[in-house]
Amino acid sequence: MTERDAPAADGSPVGLDERVLSTLQGLPGRIAFSGLRRVLGVHPESLSRSLRRLEREGLVEHSSIGYRALELPSSGASSPEADLRLVAQVEAPLGIPPETLLGRLSGRWFGSLRWVGAVDGPSGRLLVWARRDGVGYVLLGVERNRLRVFVRSAAVEDDPTEAEESAYELLVHAVSALRASAHDGVGPVTFFVAGGSVFDPPADN
């Protein structure tokens, strides 16, 4: 156990309240308890105590669909989407509203990716899944009839292979889920590699 995670008098890790609040501020929306636990990698009882403390202090609000931070970051902080890196995108079936597309994917587990919640950004709602390594997450949104998958830029810098593979995994499962329910099919996938260039994989035979 690290000094940072040493238990306090009430048994909760020192600094956990700050980590919980920072995570909820960075994912402004409604985050499920299980998703928050996966992102933070903490014991459920410790997280429950931390969330109750933050609720009593008026910093966090709880509803039937998850938790959200009531205290906003400082005005100088970047927007939630400012540090996202686009990894891949795919043309979605025509005629299906973005909210319908997101609704078909919301709340689902895909392979090693576990559902976290939905966040609100300047360009619309983003769905969030925890990565397999437990230290980050992958986000998916819809813009101009395209499904777009993002990871945090910092995650790419720390471990580009793990971050991008998680993003590709999410896109593959999302496309499969939409193909199963769409008559018009899903368009070709475009991948954005770490260097910023673009390549289109060959079509399936």
C-alpha atoms as a PDB file:
ATOM      1  CA  MET A   1       0.000   0.000   0.000  1.00  0.00           C
ATOM      2  CA  THR A   2       1.425   3.380  -0.960  1.00  0.00           C
ATOM      3  CA  GLU A   3       1.583   6.326   1.407  1.00  0.00           C
ATOM      4  CA  ARG A   4      -0.998   8.073  -0.781  1.00  0.00           C
ATOM      5  CA  ASP A   5      -3.441   5.213  -0.283  1.00  0.00           C
ATOM      6  CA  ALA A   6      -2.802   4.705   3.430  1.00  0.00           C
ATOM      7  CA  PRO A   7      -6.105   4.490   5.333  1.00  0.00           C
ATOM      8  CA  ALA A   8      -7.377   7.509   7.192  1.00  0.00           C
ATOM      9  CA  ALA A   9      -9.117   7.349  10.569  1.00  0.00           C
ATOM     10  CA  ASP A  10     -12.405   6.280   8.943  1.00  0.00           C
ATOM     11  CA  GLY A  11     -10.688   3.612   6.824  1.00  0.00           C
ATOM     12  CA  SER A  12     -10.839   5.543   3.542  1.00  0.00           C
ATOM     13  CA  PRO A  13      -7.692   6.181   1.478  1.00  0.00           C
ATOM     14  CA  VAL A  14      -6.145   9.583   2.022  1.00  0.00           C
ATOM     15  CA  GLY A  15      -6.891  11.820  -0.960  1.00  0.00           C
ATOM     16  CA  LEU A  16      -9.722   9.668  -2.293  1.00  0.00           C
ATOM     17  CA  ASP A  17     -12.286  12.457  -1.942  1.00  0.00           C
ATOM     18  CA  GLU A  18     -10.126  14.708  -4.096  1.00  0.00           C
ATOM     19  CA  ARG A  19      -9.667  11.956  -6.685  1.00  0.00           C
ATOM     20  CA  VAL A  20     -13.402  11.263  -6.833  1.00  0.00           C
ATOM     21  CA  LEU A  21     -14.269  14.932  -7.223  1.00  0.00           C
ATOM     22  CA  SER A  22     -11.556  15.478  -9.837  1.00  0.00           C
ATOM     23  CA  THR A  23     -12.784  12.479 -11.839  1.00  0.00           C
ATOM     24  CA  LEU A  24     -16.403  13.651 -11.761  1.00  0.00           C
ATOM     25  CA  GLN A  25     -15.340  17.142 -12.802  1.00  0.00           C
ATOM     26  CA  GLY A  26     -13.354  15.696 -15.698  1.00  0.00           C
ATOM     27  CA  LEU A  27     -16.355  13.580 -16.755  1.00  0.00           C
ATOM     28  CA  PRO A  28     -19.206  16.082 -16.392  1.00  0.00           C
ATOM     29  CA  GLY A  29     -22.387  14.063 -16.650  1.00  0.00           C
ATOM     30  CA  ARG A  30     -23.949  11.169 -14.778  1.00  0.00           C
ATOM     31  CA  ILE A  31     -21.396   8.507 -13.881  1.00  0.00           C
ATOM     32  CA  ALA A  32     -22.511   5.122 -12.577  1.00  0.00           C
ATOM     33  CA  PHE A  33     -21.075   3.965  -9.252  1.00  0.00           C
ATOM     34  CA  SER A  34     -19.603   0.852 -10.862  1.00  0.00           C
ATOM     35  CA  GLY A  35     -18.045   2.930 -13.623  1.00  0.00           C
ATOM     36  CA  LEU A  36     -16.533   5.380 -11.166  1.00  0.00           C
ATOM     37  CA  ARG A  37     -15.115   2.467  -9.166  1.00  0.00           C
ATOM     38  CA  ARG A  38     -13.511   1.005 -12.297  1.00  0.00           C
ATOM     39  CA  VAL A  39     -11.949   4.301 -13.343  1.00  0.00           C
ATOM     40  CA  LEU A  40     -10.524   4.937  -9.871  1.00  0.00           C
ATOM     41  CA  GLY A  41      -9.643   1.323  -9.052  1.00  0.00           C
ATOM     42  CA  VAL A  42     -10.787   1.585  -5.417  1.00  0.00           C
ATOM     43  CA  HIS A  43     -12.716  -0.668  -3.045  1.00  0.00           C
ATOM     44  CA  PRO A  44     -16.534  -0.185  -3.252  1.00  0.00           C
ATOM     45  CA  GLU A  45     -16.882   0.550   0.483  1.00  0.00           C
ATOM     46  CA  SER A  46     -14.184   3.227   0.369  1.00  0.00           C
ATOM     47  CA  LEU A  47     -15.827   4.806  -2.659  1.00  0.00           C
ATOM     48  CA  SER A  48     -19.257   4.742  -0.989  1.00  0.00           C
ATOM     49  CA  ARG A  49     -17.918   6.536   2.073  1.00  0.00           C
ATOM     50  CA  SER A  50     -16.158   9.115  -0.071  1.00  0.00           C
ATOM     51  CA  LEU A  51     -19.269   9.820  -2.152  1.00  0.00           C
ATOM     52  CA  ARG A  52     -21.404  10.190   0.992  1.00  0.00           C
ATOM     53  CA  ARG A  53     -18.928  12.707   2.401  1.00  0.00           C
ATOM     54  CA  LEU A  54     -18.918  14.687  -0.844  1.00  0.00           C
ATOM     55  CA  GLU A  55     -22.724  14.636  -0.943  1.00  0.00           C
ATOM     56  CA  ARG A  56     -22.918  15.957   2.633  1.00  0.00           C
ATOM     57  CA  GLU A  57     -20.526  18.745   1.690  1.00  0.00           C
ATOM     58  CA  GLY A  58     -22.701  19.689  -1.298  1.00  0.00           C
ATOM     59  CA  LEU A  59     -19.997  18.860  -3.836  1.00  0.00           C
ATOM     60  CA  VAL A  60     -21.623  15.809  -5.454  1.00  0.00           C
ATOM     61  CA  GLU A  61     -25.189  14.992  -6.409  1.00  0.00           C
ATOM     62  CA  HIS A  62     -26.610  11.476  -6.671  1.00  0.00           C
ATOM     63  CA  SER A  63     -29.590  10.346  -8.749  1.00  0.00           C
ATOM     64  CA  SER A  64     -30.925   7.042 -10.039  1.00  0.00           C
ATOM     65  CA  ILE A  65     -28.677   7.277 -13.114  1.00  0.00           C
ATOM     66  CA  GLY A  66     -25.406   8.157 -11.404  1.00  0.00           C
ATOM     67  CA  TYR A  67     -23.261  10.808  -9.767  1.00  0.00           C
ATOM     68  CA  ARG A  68     -22.224  14.244 -10.934  1.00  0.00           C
ATOM     69  CA  ALA A  69     -20.017  16.999  -9.529  1.00  0.00           C
ATOM     70  CA  LEU A  70     -21.745  20.183  -8.403  1.00  0.00           C
ATOM     71  CA  GLU A  71     -18.495  22.074  -7.926  1.00  0.00           C
ATOM     72  CA  LEU A  72     -17.091  23.151 -11.290  1.00  0.00           C
ATOM     73  CA  PRO A  73     -13.358  23.394 -12.061  1.00  0.00           C
ATOM     74  CA  SER A  74     -11.724  26.816 -12.059  1.00  0.00           C
ATOM     75  CA  SER A  75     -12.508  29.088 -15.006  1.00  0.00           C
ATOM     76  CA  GLY A  76      -8.993  28.623 -16.312  1.00  0.00           C
ATOM     77  CA  ALA A  77      -9.368  24.874 -16.654  1.00  0.00           C
ATOM     78  CA  SER A  78      -9.666  23.353 -20.101  1.00  0.00           C
ATOM     79  CA  SER A  79     -12.970  21.946 -21.360  1.00  0.00           C
ATOM     80  CA  PRO A  80     -13.596  18.203 -20.906  1.00  0.00           C
ATOM     81  CA  GLU A  81     -12.980  17.588 -24.591  1.00  0.00           C
ATOM     82  CA  ALA A  82      -9.891  19.775 -24.911  1.00  0.00           C
ATOM     83  CA  ASP A  83      -7.462  16.919 -24.207  1.00  0.00           C
ATOM     84  CA  LEU A  84      -9.182  14.218 -26.261  1.00  0.00           C
ATOM     85  CA  ARG A  85      -7.478  12.591 -29.232  1.00  0.00           C
ATOM     86  CA  LEU A  86      -9.597  11.229 -32.063  1.00  0.00           C
ATOM     87  CA  VAL A  87      -8.531   7.635 -32.803  1.00  0.00           C
ATOM     88  CA  ALA A  88     -11.116   6.395 -35.296  1.00  0.00           C
ATOM     89  CA  GLN A  89     -14.463   7.198 -36.870  1.00  0.00           C
ATOM     90  CA  VAL A  90     -17.075   5.412 -38.951  1.00  0.00           C
ATOM     91  CA  GLU A  91     -20.029   6.591 -41.005  1.00  0.00           C
ATOM     92  CA  ALA A  92     -23.222   5.710 -39.142  1.00  0.00           C
ATOM     93  CA  PRO A  93     -26.450   4.507 -40.807  1.00  0.00           C
ATOM     94  CA  LEU A  94     -28.333   7.381 -42.429  1.00  0.00           C
ATOM     95  CA  GLY A  95     -31.589   8.607 -40.985  1.00  0.00           C
ATOM     96  CA  ILE A  96     -30.893   7.552 -37.389  1.00  0.00           C
ATOM     97  CA  PRO A  97     -30.708  10.475 -34.906  1.00  0.00           C
ATOM     98  CA  PRO A  98     -27.502  10.718 -32.835  1.00  0.00           C
ATOM     99  CA  GLU A  99     -29.392  10.142 -29.582  1.00  0.00           C
ATOM    100  CA  THR A 100     -30.837   6.927 -30.990  1.00  0.00           C
ATOM    101  CA  LEU A 101     -27.377   5.723 -32.015  1.00  0.00           C
ATOM    102  CA  LEU A 102     -25.965   6.504 -28.584  1.00  0.00           C
ATOM    103  CA  GLY A 103     -28.972   4.931 -26.907  1.00  0.00           C
ATOM    104  CA  ARG A 104     -28.277   1.626 -28.662  1.00  0.00           C
ATOM    105  CA  LEU A 105     -24.748   1.576 -27.234  1.00  0.00           C
ATOM    106  CA  SER A 106     -25.325   3.160 -23.822  1.00  0.00           C
ATOM    107  CA  GLY A 107     -24.897   0.920 -20.798  1.00  0.00           C
ATOM    108  CA  ARG A 108     -23.382  -2.009 -22.693  1.00  0.00           C
ATOM    109  CA  TRP A 109     -20.154  -3.866 -21.984  1.00  0.00           C
ATOM    110  CA  PHE A 110     -17.907  -4.590 -24.954  1.00  0.00           C
ATOM    111  CA  GLY A 111     -15.217  -7.237 -24.583  1.00  0.00           C
ATOM    112  CA  SER A 112     -12.787  -6.033 -21.932  1.00  0.00           C
ATOM    113  CA  LEU A 113     -14.331  -2.542 -21.854  1.00  0.00           C
ATOM    114  CA  ARG A 114     -16.692  -1.807 -18.969  1.00  0.00           C
ATOM    115  CA  TRP A 115     -19.454   0.806 -18.987  1.00  0.00           C
ATOM    116  CA  VAL A 116     -18.738   3.991 -16.999  1.00  0.00           C
ATOM    117  CA  GLY A 117     -21.428   6.531 -17.932  1.00  0.00           C
ATOM    118  CA  ALA A 118     -22.362   9.444 -20.170  1.00  0.00           C
ATOM    119  CA  VAL A 119     -20.776  12.892 -20.103  1.00  0.00           C
ATOM    120  CA  ASP A 120     -21.801  16.205 -21.614  1.00  0.00           C
ATOM    121  CA  GLY A 121     -19.402  18.070 -23.863  1.00  0.00           C
ATOM    122  CA  PRO A 122     -19.542  21.165 -26.107  1.00  0.00           C
ATOM    123  CA  SER A 123     -20.196  19.008 -29.187  1.00  0.00           C
ATOM    124  CA  GLY A 124     -22.764  16.716 -27.572  1.00  0.00           C
ATOM    125  CA  ARG A 125     -23.037  13.680 -25.358  1.00  0.00           C
ATOM    126  CA  LEU A 126     -20.126  11.243 -25.038  1.00  0.00           C
ATOM    127  CA  LEU A 127     -20.360   7.671 -23.783  1.00  0.00           C
ATOM    128  CA  VAL A 128     -17.504   6.435 -21.608  1.00  0.00           C
ATOM    129  CA  TRP A 129     -15.998   2.976 -21.045  1.00  0.00           C
ATOM    130  CA  ALA A 130     -13.170   2.003 -18.695  1.00  0.00           C
ATOM    131  CA  ARG A 131     -10.064   0.598 -20.351  1.00  0.00           C
ATOM    132  CA  ARG A 132      -8.790  -2.889 -19.616  1.00  0.00           C
ATOM    133  CA  ASP A 133      -5.701  -1.566 -17.837  1.00  0.00           C
ATOM    134  CA  GLY A 134      -7.872   0.261 -15.310  1.00  0.00           C
ATOM    135  CA  VAL A 135      -6.000   3.563 -15.648  1.00  0.00           C
ATOM    136  CA  GLY A 136      -8.043   5.331 -18.281  1.00  0.00           C
ATOM    137  CA  TYR A 137     -11.107   5.292 -20.465  1.00  0.00           C
ATOM    138  CA  VAL A 138     -12.373   5.420 -24.032  1.00  0.00           C
ATOM    139  CA  LEU A 139     -15.099   7.804 -25.196  1.00  0.00           C
ATOM    140  CA  LEU A 140     -17.546   7.613 -28.093  1.00  0.00           C
ATOM    141  CA  GLY A 141     -19.714  10.344 -29.591  1.00  0.00           C
ATOM    142  CA  VAL A 142     -21.657  11.177 -32.750  1.00  0.00           C
ATOM    143  CA  GLU A 143     -20.880  14.186 -34.931  1.00  0.00           C
ATOM    144  CA  ARG A 144     -22.227  14.829 -38.454  1.00  0.00           C
ATOM    145  CA  ASN A 145     -23.512  11.246 -38.665  1.00  0.00           C
ATOM    146  CA  ARG A 146     -20.159   9.760 -37.729  1.00  0.00           C
ATOM    147  CA  LEU A 147     -19.356   7.624 -34.729  1.00  0.00           C
ATOM    148  CA  ARG A 148     -16.130   9.040 -33.309  1.00  0.00           C
ATOM    149  CA  VAL A 149     -13.917   7.299 -30.740  1.00  0.00           C
ATOM    150  CA  PHE A 150     -11.533   9.243 -28.497  1.00  0.00           C
ATOM    151  CA  VAL A 151      -8.939   8.629 -25.808  1.00  0.00           C
ATOM    152  CA  ARG A 152      -7.246  11.140 -23.540  1.00  0.00           C
ATOM    153  CA  SER A 153      -4.164  12.655 -25.150  1.00  0.00           C
ATOM    154  CA  ALA A 154      -2.198  12.001 -21.964  1.00  0.00           C
ATOM    155  CA  ALA A 155      -3.116   8.300 -22.153  1.00  0.00           C
ATOM    156  CA  VAL A 156      -1.718   8.090 -25.684  1.00  0.00           C
ATOM    157  CA  GLU A 157       1.510   9.698 -24.538  1.00  0.00           C
ATOM    158  CA  ASP A 158       1.811   7.333 -21.554  1.00  0.00           C
ATOM    159  CA  ASP A 159       0.941   4.107 -23.384  1.00  0.00           C
ATOM    160  CA  PRO A 160      -0.076   4.643 -27.031  1.00  0.00           C
ATOM    161  CA  THR A 161      -0.496   0.948 -27.823  1.00  0.00           C
ATOM    162  CA  GLU A 162      -2.858   0.206 -24.936  1.00  0.00           C
ATOM    163  CA  ALA A 163      -4.885   3.395 -25.428  1.00  0.00           C
ATOM    164  CA  GLU A 164      -5.352   2.962 -29.166  1.00  0.00           C
ATOM    165  CA  GLU A 165      -6.059  -0.773 -28.976  1.00  0.00           C
ATOM    166  CA  SER A 166      -8.812  -0.064 -26.447  1.00  0.00           C
ATOM    167  CA  ALA A 167     -10.295   2.546 -28.776  1.00  0.00           C
ATOM    168  CA  TYR A 168     -10.214   0.157 -31.739  1.00  0.00           C
ATOM    169  CA  GLU A 169     -11.847  -2.545 -29.630  1.00  0.00           C
ATOM    170  CA  LEU A 170     -14.695  -0.207 -28.724  1.00  0.00           C
ATOM    171  CA  LEU A 171     -15.254   0.805 -32.332  1.00  0.00           C
ATOM    172  CA  VAL A 172     -15.324  -2.790 -33.569  1.00  0.00           C
ATOM    173  CA  HIS A 173     -17.931  -3.774 -30.979  1.00  0.00           C
ATOM    174  CA  ALA A 174     -19.970  -0.608 -31.568  1.00  0.00           C
ATOM    175  CA  VAL A 175     -20.031  -1.208 -35.330  1.00  0.00           C
ATOM    176  CA  SER A 176     -21.064  -4.825 -34.790  1.00  0.00           C
ATOM    177  CA  ALA A 177     -23.892  -3.750 -32.486  1.00  0.00           C
ATOM    178  CA  LEU A 178     -25.166  -1.189 -34.990  1.00  0.00           C
ATOM    179  CA  ARG A 179     -24.858  -3.524 -37.975  1.00  0.00           C
ATOM    180  CA  ALA A 180     -27.069  -6.024 -36.186  1.00  0.00           C
ATOM    181  CA  SER A 181     -29.872  -3.467 -35.912  1.00  0.00           C
ATOM    182  CA  ALA A 182     -29.390  -1.283 -39.015  1.00  0.00           C
ATOM    183  CA  HIS A 183     -30.833  -2.079 -42.448  1.00  0.00           C
ATOM    184  CA  ASP A 184     -28.606   0.405 -44.283  1.00  0.00           C
ATOM    185  CA  GLY A 185     -25.378  -0.906 -42.805  1.00  0.00           C
ATOM    186  CA  VAL A 186     -22.403   0.989 -41.434  1.00  0.00           C
ATOM    187  CA  GLY A 187     -19.892   2.825 -43.583  1.00  0.00           C
ATOM    188  CA  PRO A 188     -16.117   2.300 -43.853  1.00  0.00           C
ATOM    189  CA  VAL A 189     -13.948   2.837 -40.810  1.00  0.00           C
ATOM    190  CA  THR A 190     -11.192   5.452 -40.772  1.00  0.00           C
ATOM    191  CA  PHE A 191      -8.346   5.072 -38.272  1.00  0.00           C
ATOM    192  CA  PHE A 192      -6.138   7.940 -37.130  1.00  0.00           C
ATOM    193  CA  VAL A 193      -2.704   6.708 -36.137  1.00  0.00           C
ATOM    194  CA  ALA A 194      -0.578   8.331 -33.445  1.00  0.00           C
ATOM    195  CA  GLY A 195       1.397  10.432 -35.896  1.00  0.00           C
ATOM    196  CA  GLY A 196      -1.757  12.171 -37.070  1.00  0.00           C
ATOM    197  CA  SER A 197      -1.963  10.508 -40.489  1.00  0.00           C
ATOM    198  CA  VAL A 198      -4.946   8.516 -41.639  1.00  0.00           C
ATOM    199  CA  PHE A 199      -5.325   5.089 -43.149  1.00  0.00           C
ATOM    200  CA  ASP A 200      -8.330   3.060 -44.285  1.00  0.00           C
ATOM    201  CA  PRO A 201      -8.169  -0.660 -43.596  1.00  0.00           C
ATOM    202  CA  PRO A 202      -9.176  -3.014 -46.408  1.00  0.00           C
ATOM    203  CA  ALA A 203     -12.844  -3.936 -46.558  1.00  0.00           C
ATOM    204  CA  ASP A 204     -13.968  -7.275 -45.158  1.00  0.00           C
ATOM    205  CA  ASN A 205     -14.243 -10.067 -47.689  1.00  0.00           C
END
